[in-house]
Amino acid sequence: MSRLIVHLLPLLLPFLLYGLYIWHVKRSGRDGPEATPWFWLAAIGLLLVIVSFVVWGAFFEETLGDYVPARIEEGRIVPGRIDQ
């Protein structure tokens, strides 16, 4: 779930910032832009998602191996682990 949020947030970030900009312009009583730049917001969002994938791959090591799930032994919980 955290990886989904980490990669979804960069996609939504340009739209959120643009929404804050429009809110600020309307609140100050000025006229905002006539058209919403949907293409550019989506393109910047996708670029940020690609950058997030590259950064995640460069700085967070993927552990390979067999997952051993958590289990109960002698009344204690033994946490799950990855055997390599």
PDB file of N, CA and C in Angstrom:
ATOM      1  N   MET A   1       0.825  -1.189   0.000  1.00  0.00           N
ATOM      2  CA  MET A   1       0.000   0.000   0.000  1.00  0.00           C
ATOM      3  C   MET A   1       0.870   1.254   0.000  1.00  0.00           C
ATOM      4  N   SER A   2       1.969   1.217   0.759  1.00  0.00           N
ATOM      5  CA  SER A   2       2.819   2.406   0.821  1.00  0.00           C
ATOM      6  C   SER A   2       3.472   2.678  -0.526  1.00  0.00           C
ATOM      7  N   ARG A   3       3.839   1.611  -1.265  1.00  0.00           N
ATOM      8  CA  ARG A   3       4.424   1.826  -2.596  1.00  0.00           C
ATOM      9  C   ARG A   3       3.406   2.452  -3.537  1.00  0.00           C
ATOM     10  N   LEU A   4       2.151   2.066  -3.414  1.00  0.00           N
ATOM     11  CA  LEU A   4       1.109   2.653  -4.247  1.00  0.00           C
ATOM     12  C   LEU A   4       0.993   4.144  -3.968  1.00  0.00           C
ATOM     13  N   ILE A   5       1.006   4.515  -2.713  1.00  0.00           N
ATOM     14  CA  ILE A   5       0.918   5.933  -2.349  1.00  0.00           C
ATOM     15  C   ILE A   5       2.142   6.687  -2.832  1.00  0.00           C
ATOM     16  N   VAL A   6       3.313   6.071  -2.682  1.00  0.00           N
ATOM     17  CA  VAL A   6       4.554   6.727  -3.097  1.00  0.00           C
ATOM     18  C   VAL A   6       4.555   6.999  -4.592  1.00  0.00           C
ATOM     19  N   HIS A   7       3.978   6.122  -5.381  1.00  0.00           N
ATOM     20  CA  HIS A   7       3.968   6.316  -6.828  1.00  0.00           C
ATOM     21  C   HIS A   7       2.719   7.038  -7.328  1.00  0.00           C
ATOM     22  N   LEU A   8       1.656   7.029  -6.561  1.00  0.00           N
ATOM     23  CA  LEU A   8       0.436   7.724  -6.965  1.00  0.00           C
ATOM     24  C   LEU A   8       0.498   9.207  -6.627  1.00  0.00           C
ATOM     25  N   LEU A   9       1.154   9.553  -5.537  1.00  0.00           N
ATOM     26  CA  LEU A   9       1.255  10.950  -5.130  1.00  0.00           C
ATOM     27  C   LEU A   9       1.930  11.830  -6.189  1.00  0.00           C
ATOM     28  N   PRO A  10       3.045  11.400  -6.814  1.00  0.00           N
ATOM     29  CA  PRO A  10       3.627  12.251  -7.859  1.00  0.00           C
ATOM     30  C   PRO A  10       2.700  12.466  -9.048  1.00  0.00           C
ATOM     31  N   LEU A  11       1.848  11.499  -9.349  1.00  0.00           N
ATOM     32  CA  LEU A  11       0.898  11.664 -10.450  1.00  0.00           C
ATOM     33  C   LEU A  11      -0.141  12.727 -10.114  1.00  0.00           C
ATOM     34  N   LEU A  12      -0.591  12.750  -8.873  1.00  0.00           N
ATOM     35  CA  LEU A  12      -1.637  13.681  -8.466  1.00  0.00           C
ATOM     36  C   LEU A  12      -1.101  15.058  -8.063  1.00  0.00           C
ATOM     37  N   LEU A  13       0.198  15.144  -7.767  1.00  0.00           N
ATOM     38  CA  LEU A  13       0.777  16.388  -7.271  1.00  0.00           C
ATOM     39  C   LEU A  13       0.561  17.588  -8.192  1.00  0.00           C
ATOM     40  N   PRO A  14       0.783  17.490  -9.515  1.00  0.00           N
ATOM     41  CA  PRO A  14       0.527  18.665 -10.372  1.00  0.00           C
ATOM     42  C   PRO A  14      -0.934  19.121 -10.337  1.00  0.00           C
ATOM     43  N   PHE A  15      -1.862  18.178 -10.271  1.00  0.00           N
ATOM     44  CA  PHE A  15      -3.278  18.528 -10.223  1.00  0.00           C
ATOM     45  C   PHE A  15      -3.625  19.225  -8.904  1.00  0.00           C
ATOM     46  N   LEU A  16      -3.046  18.734  -7.800  1.00  0.00           N
ATOM     47  CA  LEU A  16      -3.286  19.369  -6.499  1.00  0.00           C
ATOM     48  C   LEU A  16      -2.713  20.779  -6.457  1.00  0.00           C
ATOM     49  N   LEU A  17      -1.499  20.944  -6.962  1.00  0.00           N
ATOM     50  CA  LEU A  17      -0.886  22.280  -6.980  1.00  0.00           C
ATOM     51  C   LEU A  17      -1.662  23.234  -7.875  1.00  0.00           C
ATOM     52  N   TYR A  18      -2.133  22.761  -9.023  1.00  0.00           N
ATOM     53  CA  TYR A  18      -2.930  23.605  -9.912  1.00  0.00           C
ATOM     54  C   TYR A  18      -4.257  23.985  -9.243  1.00  0.00           C
ATOM     55  N   GLY A  19      -4.849  23.034  -8.530  1.00  0.00           N
ATOM     56  CA  GLY A  19      -6.088  23.329  -7.807  1.00  0.00           C
ATOM     57  C   GLY A  19      -5.863  24.385  -6.734  1.00  0.00           C
ATOM     58  N   LEU A  20      -4.742  24.300  -6.010  1.00  0.00           N
ATOM     59  CA  LEU A  20      -4.415  25.337  -5.021  1.00  0.00           C
ATOM     60  C   LEU A  20      -4.198  26.684  -5.685  1.00  0.00           C
ATOM     61  N   TYR A  21      -3.551  26.688  -6.844  1.00  0.00           N
ATOM     62  CA  TYR A  21      -3.340  27.933  -7.581  1.00  0.00           C
ATOM     63  C   TYR A  21      -4.682  28.558  -7.994  1.00  0.00           C
ATOM     64  N   ILE A  22      -5.568  27.764  -8.543  1.00  0.00           N
ATOM     65  CA  ILE A  22      -6.885  28.279  -8.965  1.00  0.00           C
ATOM     66  C   ILE A  22      -7.660  28.789  -7.749  1.00  0.00           C
ATOM     67  N   TRP A  23      -7.608  28.043  -6.644  1.00  0.00           N
ATOM     68  CA  TRP A  23      -8.292  28.474  -5.428  1.00  0.00           C
ATOM     69  C   TRP A  23      -7.750  29.818  -4.956  1.00  0.00           C
ATOM     70  N   HIS A  24      -6.442  29.992  -4.992  1.00  0.00           N
ATOM     71  CA  HIS A  24      -5.832  31.254  -4.568  1.00  0.00           C
ATOM     72  C   HIS A  24      -6.222  32.400  -5.503  1.00  0.00           C
ATOM     73  N   VAL A  25      -6.238  32.146  -6.812  1.00  0.00           N
ATOM     74  CA  VAL A  25      -6.602  33.188  -7.779  1.00  0.00           C
ATOM     75  C   VAL A  25      -8.056  33.603  -7.582  1.00  0.00           C
ATOM     76  N   LYS A  26      -8.953  32.653  -7.442  1.00  0.00           N
ATOM     77  CA  LYS A  26     -10.375  32.964  -7.246  1.00  0.00           C
ATOM     78  C   LYS A  26     -10.603  33.693  -5.923  1.00  0.00           C
ATOM     79  N   ARG A  27      -9.858  33.296  -4.890  1.00  0.00           N
ATOM     80  CA  ARG A  27     -10.009  33.911  -3.571  1.00  0.00           C
ATOM     81  C   ARG A  27      -9.548  35.364  -3.574  1.00  0.00           C
ATOM     82  N   SER A  28      -8.528  35.661  -4.386  1.00  0.00           N
ATOM     83  CA  SER A  28      -8.023  37.030  -4.444  1.00  0.00           C
ATOM     84  C   SER A  28      -8.854  37.918  -5.365  1.00  0.00           C
ATOM     85  N   GLY A  29      -9.845  37.350  -6.031  1.00  0.00           N
ATOM     86  CA  GLY A  29     -10.757  38.138  -6.853  1.00  0.00           C
ATOM     87  C   GLY A  29     -10.277  38.369  -8.273  1.00  0.00           C
ATOM     88  N   ARG A  30      -9.195  37.762  -8.665  1.00  0.00           N
ATOM     89  CA  ARG A  30      -8.695  37.916 -10.030  1.00  0.00           C
ATOM     90  C   ARG A  30      -9.318  36.861 -10.937  1.00  0.00           C
ATOM     91  N   ASP A  31      -9.203  37.104 -12.231  1.00  0.00           N
ATOM     92  CA  ASP A  31      -9.678  36.132 -13.213  1.00  0.00           C
ATOM     93  C   ASP A  31      -8.608  35.075 -13.412  1.00  0.00           C
ATOM     94  N   GLY A  32      -9.008  33.825 -13.389  1.00  0.00           N
ATOM     95  CA  GLY A  32      -8.072  32.721 -13.591  1.00  0.00           C
ATOM     96  C   GLY A  32      -7.901  32.428 -15.071  1.00  0.00           C
ATOM     97  N   PRO A  33      -7.139  31.419 -15.381  1.00  0.00           N
ATOM     98  CA  PRO A  33      -6.953  31.029 -16.782  1.00  0.00           C
ATOM     99  C   PRO A  33      -8.274  30.549 -17.383  1.00  0.00           C
ATOM    100  N   GLU A  34      -8.387  30.710 -18.686  1.00  0.00           N
ATOM    101  CA  GLU A  34      -9.640  30.342 -19.353  1.00  0.00           C
ATOM    102  C   GLU A  34      -9.772  28.841 -19.561  1.00  0.00           C
ATOM    103  N   ALA A  35      -8.658  28.150 -19.734  1.00  0.00           N
ATOM    104  CA  ALA A  35      -8.696  26.705 -19.981  1.00  0.00           C
ATOM    105  C   ALA A  35      -7.743  26.005 -19.013  1.00  0.00           C
ATOM    106  N   THR A  36      -8.108  24.802 -18.637  1.00  0.00           N
ATOM    107  CA  THR A  36      -7.251  24.006 -17.760  1.00  0.00           C
ATOM    108  C   THR A  36      -6.270  23.215 -18.623  1.00  0.00           C
ATOM    109  N   PRO A  37      -4.989  23.280 -18.314  1.00  0.00           N
ATOM    110  CA  PRO A  37      -3.989  22.557 -19.128  1.00  0.00           C
ATOM    111  C   PRO A  37      -3.890  21.079 -18.743  1.00  0.00           C
ATOM    112  N   TRP A  38      -4.947  20.320 -19.023  1.00  0.00           N
ATOM    113  CA  TRP A  38      -5.022  18.922 -18.617  1.00  0.00           C
ATOM    114  C   TRP A  38      -3.857  18.100 -19.155  1.00  0.00           C
ATOM    115  N   PHE A  39      -3.520  18.318 -20.420  1.00  0.00           N
ATOM    116  CA  PHE A  39      -2.436  17.543 -21.034  1.00  0.00           C
ATOM    117  C   PHE A  39      -1.126  17.762 -20.292  1.00  0.00           C
ATOM    118  N   TRP A  40      -0.793  19.026 -20.020  1.00  0.00           N
ATOM    119  CA  TRP A  40       0.482  19.328 -19.369  1.00  0.00           C
ATOM    120  C   TRP A  40       0.496  18.852 -17.917  1.00  0.00           C
ATOM    121  N   LEU A  41      -0.627  18.934 -17.234  1.00  0.00           N
ATOM    122  CA  LEU A  41      -0.687  18.416 -15.867  1.00  0.00           C
ATOM    123  C   LEU A  41      -0.470  16.903 -15.853  1.00  0.00           C
ATOM    124  N   ALA A  42      -1.099  16.202 -16.772  1.00  0.00           N
ATOM    125  CA  ALA A  42      -0.940  14.746 -16.853  1.00  0.00           C
ATOM    126  C   ALA A  42       0.485  14.383 -17.273  1.00  0.00           C
ATOM    127  N   ALA A  43       1.058  15.117 -18.228  1.00  0.00           N
ATOM    128  CA  ALA A  43       2.417  14.828 -18.687  1.00  0.00           C
ATOM    129  C   ALA A  43       3.430  15.034 -17.559  1.00  0.00           C
ATOM    130  N   ILE A  44       3.288  16.106 -16.809  1.00  0.00           N
ATOM    131  CA  ILE A  44       4.194  16.358 -15.683  1.00  0.00           C
ATOM    132  C   ILE A  44       4.001  15.288 -14.612  1.00  0.00           C
ATOM    133  N   GLY A  45       2.756  14.905 -14.349  1.00  0.00           N
ATOM    134  CA  GLY A  45       2.484  13.854 -13.382  1.00  0.00           C
ATOM    135  C   GLY A  45       3.114  12.532 -13.787  1.00  0.00           C
ATOM    136  N   LEU A  46       2.992  12.162 -15.056  1.00  0.00           N
ATOM    137  CA  LEU A  46       3.599  10.915 -15.525  1.00  0.00           C
ATOM    138  C   LEU A  46       5.124  10.983 -15.456  1.00  0.00           C
ATOM    139  N   LEU A  47       5.694  12.137 -15.757  1.00  0.00           N
ATOM    140  CA  LEU A  47       7.135  12.308 -15.640  1.00  0.00           C
ATOM    141  C   LEU A  47       7.588  12.135 -14.189  1.00  0.00           C
ATOM    142  N   LEU A  48       6.829  12.692 -13.259  1.00  0.00           N
ATOM    143  CA  LEU A  48       7.161  12.530 -11.845  1.00  0.00           C
ATOM    144  C   LEU A  48       7.026  11.069 -11.388  1.00  0.00           C
ATOM    145  N   VAL A  49       6.059  10.345 -11.931  1.00  0.00           N
ATOM    146  CA  VAL A  49       5.915   8.919 -11.605  1.00  0.00           C
ATOM    147  C   VAL A  49       7.129   8.147 -12.106  1.00  0.00           C
ATOM    148  N   ILE A  50       7.572   8.437 -13.325  1.00  0.00           N
ATOM    149  CA  ILE A  50       8.760   7.765 -13.867  1.00  0.00           C
ATOM    150  C   ILE A  50       9.976   8.063 -13.000  1.00  0.00           C
ATOM    151  N   VAL A  51      10.123   9.317 -12.585  1.00  0.00           N
ATOM    152  CA  VAL A  51      11.235   9.681 -11.705  1.00  0.00           C
ATOM    153  C   VAL A  51      11.121   8.937 -10.382  1.00  0.00           C
ATOM    154  N   SER A  52       9.913   8.794  -9.844  1.00  0.00           N
ATOM    155  CA  SER A  52       9.756   8.070  -8.578  1.00  0.00           C
ATOM    156  C   SER A  52      10.140   6.600  -8.730  1.00  0.00           C
ATOM    157  N   PHE A  53       9.835   5.981  -9.880  1.00  0.00           N
ATOM    158  CA  PHE A  53      10.255   4.595 -10.115  1.00  0.00           C
ATOM    159  C   PHE A  53      11.774   4.483 -10.173  1.00  0.00           C
ATOM    160  N   VAL A  54      12.416   5.428 -10.839  1.00  0.00           N
ATOM    161  CA  VAL A  54      13.874   5.407 -10.953  1.00  0.00           C
ATOM    162  C   VAL A  54      14.519   5.595  -9.575  1.00  0.00           C
ATOM    163  N   VAL A  55      14.009   6.557  -8.811  1.00  0.00           N
ATOM    164  CA  VAL A  55      14.558   6.804  -7.474  1.00  0.00           C
ATOM    165  C   VAL A  55      14.331   5.607  -6.570  1.00  0.00           C
ATOM    166  N   TRP A  56      13.156   5.006  -6.620  1.00  0.00           N
ATOM    167  CA  TRP A  56      12.851   3.835  -5.795  1.00  0.00           C
ATOM    168  C   TRP A  56      13.796   2.685  -6.155  1.00  0.00           C
ATOM    169  N   GLY A  57      14.006   2.471  -7.443  1.00  0.00           N
ATOM    170  CA  GLY A  57      14.898   1.396  -7.870  1.00  0.00           C
ATOM    171  C   GLY A  57      16.354   1.647  -7.510  1.00  0.00           C
ATOM    172  N   ALA A  58      16.756   2.909  -7.479  1.00  0.00           N
ATOM    173  CA  ALA A  58      18.149   3.235  -7.195  1.00  0.00           C
ATOM    174  C   ALA A  58      18.469   3.183  -5.700  1.00  0.00           C
ATOM    175  N   PHE A  59      17.532   3.546  -4.851  1.00  0.00           N
ATOM    176  CA  PHE A  59      17.832   3.695  -3.434  1.00  0.00           C
ATOM    177  C   PHE A  59      17.235   2.621  -2.525  1.00  0.00           C
ATOM    178  N   PHE A  60      16.280   1.856  -2.996  1.00  0.00           N
ATOM    179  CA  PHE A  60      15.657   0.840  -2.163  1.00  0.00           C
ATOM    180  C   PHE A  60      15.905  -0.523  -2.781  1.00  0.00           C
ATOM    181  N   GLU A  61      16.675  -1.333  -2.059  1.00  0.00           N
ATOM    182  CA  GLU A  61      17.068  -2.634  -2.574  1.00  0.00           C
ATOM    183  C   GLU A  61      15.925  -3.634  -2.444  1.00  0.00           C
ATOM    184  N   GLU A  62      15.712  -4.357  -3.493  1.00  0.00           N
ATOM    185  CA  GLU A  62      14.682  -5.393  -3.528  1.00  0.00           C
ATOM    186  C   GLU A  62      15.315  -6.672  -2.986  1.00  0.00           C
ATOM    187  N   THR A  63      14.725  -7.276  -1.980  1.00  0.00           N
ATOM    188  CA  THR A  63      15.271  -8.517  -1.432  1.00  0.00           C
ATOM    189  C   THR A  63      14.634  -9.693  -2.150  1.00  0.00           C
ATOM    190  N   LEU A  64      15.481 -10.560  -2.653  1.00  0.00           N
ATOM    191  CA  LEU A  64      15.011 -11.736  -3.376  1.00  0.00           C
ATOM    192  C   LEU A  64      15.176 -12.966  -2.489  1.00  0.00           C
ATOM    193  N   GLY A  65      14.274 -13.877  -2.581  1.00  0.00           N
ATOM    194  CA  GLY A  65      14.335 -15.108  -1.804  1.00  0.00           C
ATOM    195  C   GLY A  65      12.936 -15.652  -1.569  1.00  0.00           C
ATOM    196  N   ASP A  66      12.866 -16.632  -0.704  1.00  0.00           N
ATOM    197  CA  ASP A  66      11.594 -17.278  -0.370  1.00  0.00           C
ATOM    198  C   ASP A  66      11.050 -16.684   0.922  1.00  0.00           C
ATOM    199  N   TYR A  67       9.800 -16.290   0.893  1.00  0.00           N
ATOM    200  CA  TYR A  67       9.152 -15.707   2.065  1.00  0.00           C
ATOM    201  C   TYR A  67       8.663 -16.825   2.983  1.00  0.00           C
ATOM    202  N   VAL A  68       9.026 -16.734   4.240  1.00  0.00           N
ATOM    203  CA  VAL A  68       8.540 -17.659   5.267  1.00  0.00           C
ATOM    204  C   VAL A  68       7.571 -16.859   6.128  1.00  0.00           C
ATOM    205  N   PRO A  69       6.284 -17.209   6.107  1.00  0.00           N
ATOM    206  CA  PRO A  69       5.299 -16.395   6.832  1.00  0.00           C
ATOM    207  C   PRO A  69       5.452 -16.502   8.347  1.00  0.00           C
ATOM    208  N   ALA A  70       4.852 -15.552   9.042  1.00  0.00           N
ATOM    209  CA  ALA A  70       4.850 -15.567  10.509  1.00  0.00           C
ATOM    210  C   ALA A  70       4.095 -16.794  11.001  1.00  0.00           C
ATOM    211  N   ARG A  71       4.531 -17.294  12.165  1.00  0.00           N
ATOM    212  CA  ARG A  71       3.881 -18.480  12.701  1.00  0.00           C
ATOM    213  C   ARG A  71       3.970 -18.448  14.230  1.00  0.00           C
ATOM    214  N   ILE A  72       3.241 -19.330  14.865  1.00  0.00           N
ATOM    215  CA  ILE A  72       3.255 -19.422  16.325  1.00  0.00           C
ATOM    216  C   ILE A  72       4.027 -20.674  16.710  1.00  0.00           C
ATOM    217  N   GLU A  73       5.072 -20.486  17.531  1.00  0.00           N
ATOM    218  CA  GLU A  73       5.850 -21.604  18.050  1.00  0.00           C
ATOM    219  C   GLU A  73       5.917 -21.489  19.569  1.00  0.00           C
ATOM    220  N   GLU A  74       5.473 -22.521  20.270  1.00  0.00           N
ATOM    221  CA  GLU A  74       5.499 -22.563  21.726  1.00  0.00           C
ATOM    222  C   GLU A  74       4.825 -21.342  22.354  1.00  0.00           C
ATOM    223  N   GLY A  75       3.730 -20.915  21.765  1.00  0.00           N
ATOM    224  CA  GLY A  75       2.959 -19.803  22.304  1.00  0.00           C
ATOM    225  C   GLY A  75       3.514 -18.426  21.970  1.00  0.00           C
ATOM    226  N   ARG A  76       4.588 -18.351  21.196  1.00  0.00           N
ATOM    227  CA  ARG A  76       5.161 -17.057  20.800  1.00  0.00           C
ATOM    228  C   ARG A  76       5.010 -16.872  19.296  1.00  0.00           C
ATOM    229  N   ILE A  77       4.886 -15.622  18.882  1.00  0.00           N
ATOM    230  CA  ILE A  77       4.792 -15.329  17.459  1.00  0.00           C
ATOM    231  C   ILE A  77       6.197 -15.137  16.907  1.00  0.00           C
ATOM    232  N   VAL A  78       6.524 -15.937  15.916  1.00  0.00           N
ATOM    233  CA  VAL A  78       7.804 -15.821  15.225  1.00  0.00           C
ATOM    234  C   VAL A  78       7.521 -15.003  13.956  1.00  0.00           C
ATOM    235  N   PRO A  79       8.170 -13.832  13.802  1.00  0.00           N
ATOM    236  CA  PRO A  79       7.872 -12.986  12.659  1.00  0.00           C
ATOM    237  C   PRO A  79       8.276 -13.632  11.343  1.00  0.00           C
ATOM    238  N   GLY A  80       7.653 -13.193  10.286  1.00  0.00           N
ATOM    239  CA  GLY A  80       7.994 -13.671   8.955  1.00  0.00           C
ATOM    240  C   GLY A  80       9.366 -13.164   8.548  1.00  0.00           C
ATOM    241  N   ARG A  81       9.959 -13.856   7.566  1.00  0.00           N
ATOM    242  CA  ARG A  81      11.277 -13.472   7.090  1.00  0.00           C
ATOM    243  C   ARG A  81      11.441 -13.909   5.650  1.00  0.00           C
ATOM    244  N   ILE A  82      12.517 -13.457   5.053  1.00  0.00           N
ATOM    245  CA  ILE A  82      12.858 -13.859   3.693  1.00  0.00           C
ATOM    246  C   ILE A  82      14.145 -14.649   3.747  1.00  0.00           C
ATOM    247  N   ASP A  83      14.094 -15.921   3.358  1.00  0.00           N
ATOM    248  CA  ASP A  83      15.283 -16.769   3.305  1.00  0.00           C
ATOM    249  C   ASP A  83      15.924 -16.624   1.937  1.00  0.00           C
ATOM    250  N   GLN A  84      17.228 -16.477   1.961  1.00  0.00           N
ATOM    251  CA  GLN A  84      17.927 -16.313   0.681  1.00  0.00           C
ATOM    252  C   GLN A  84      18.736 -17.525   0.343  1.00  0.00           C
TER     253      GLN A  84
END
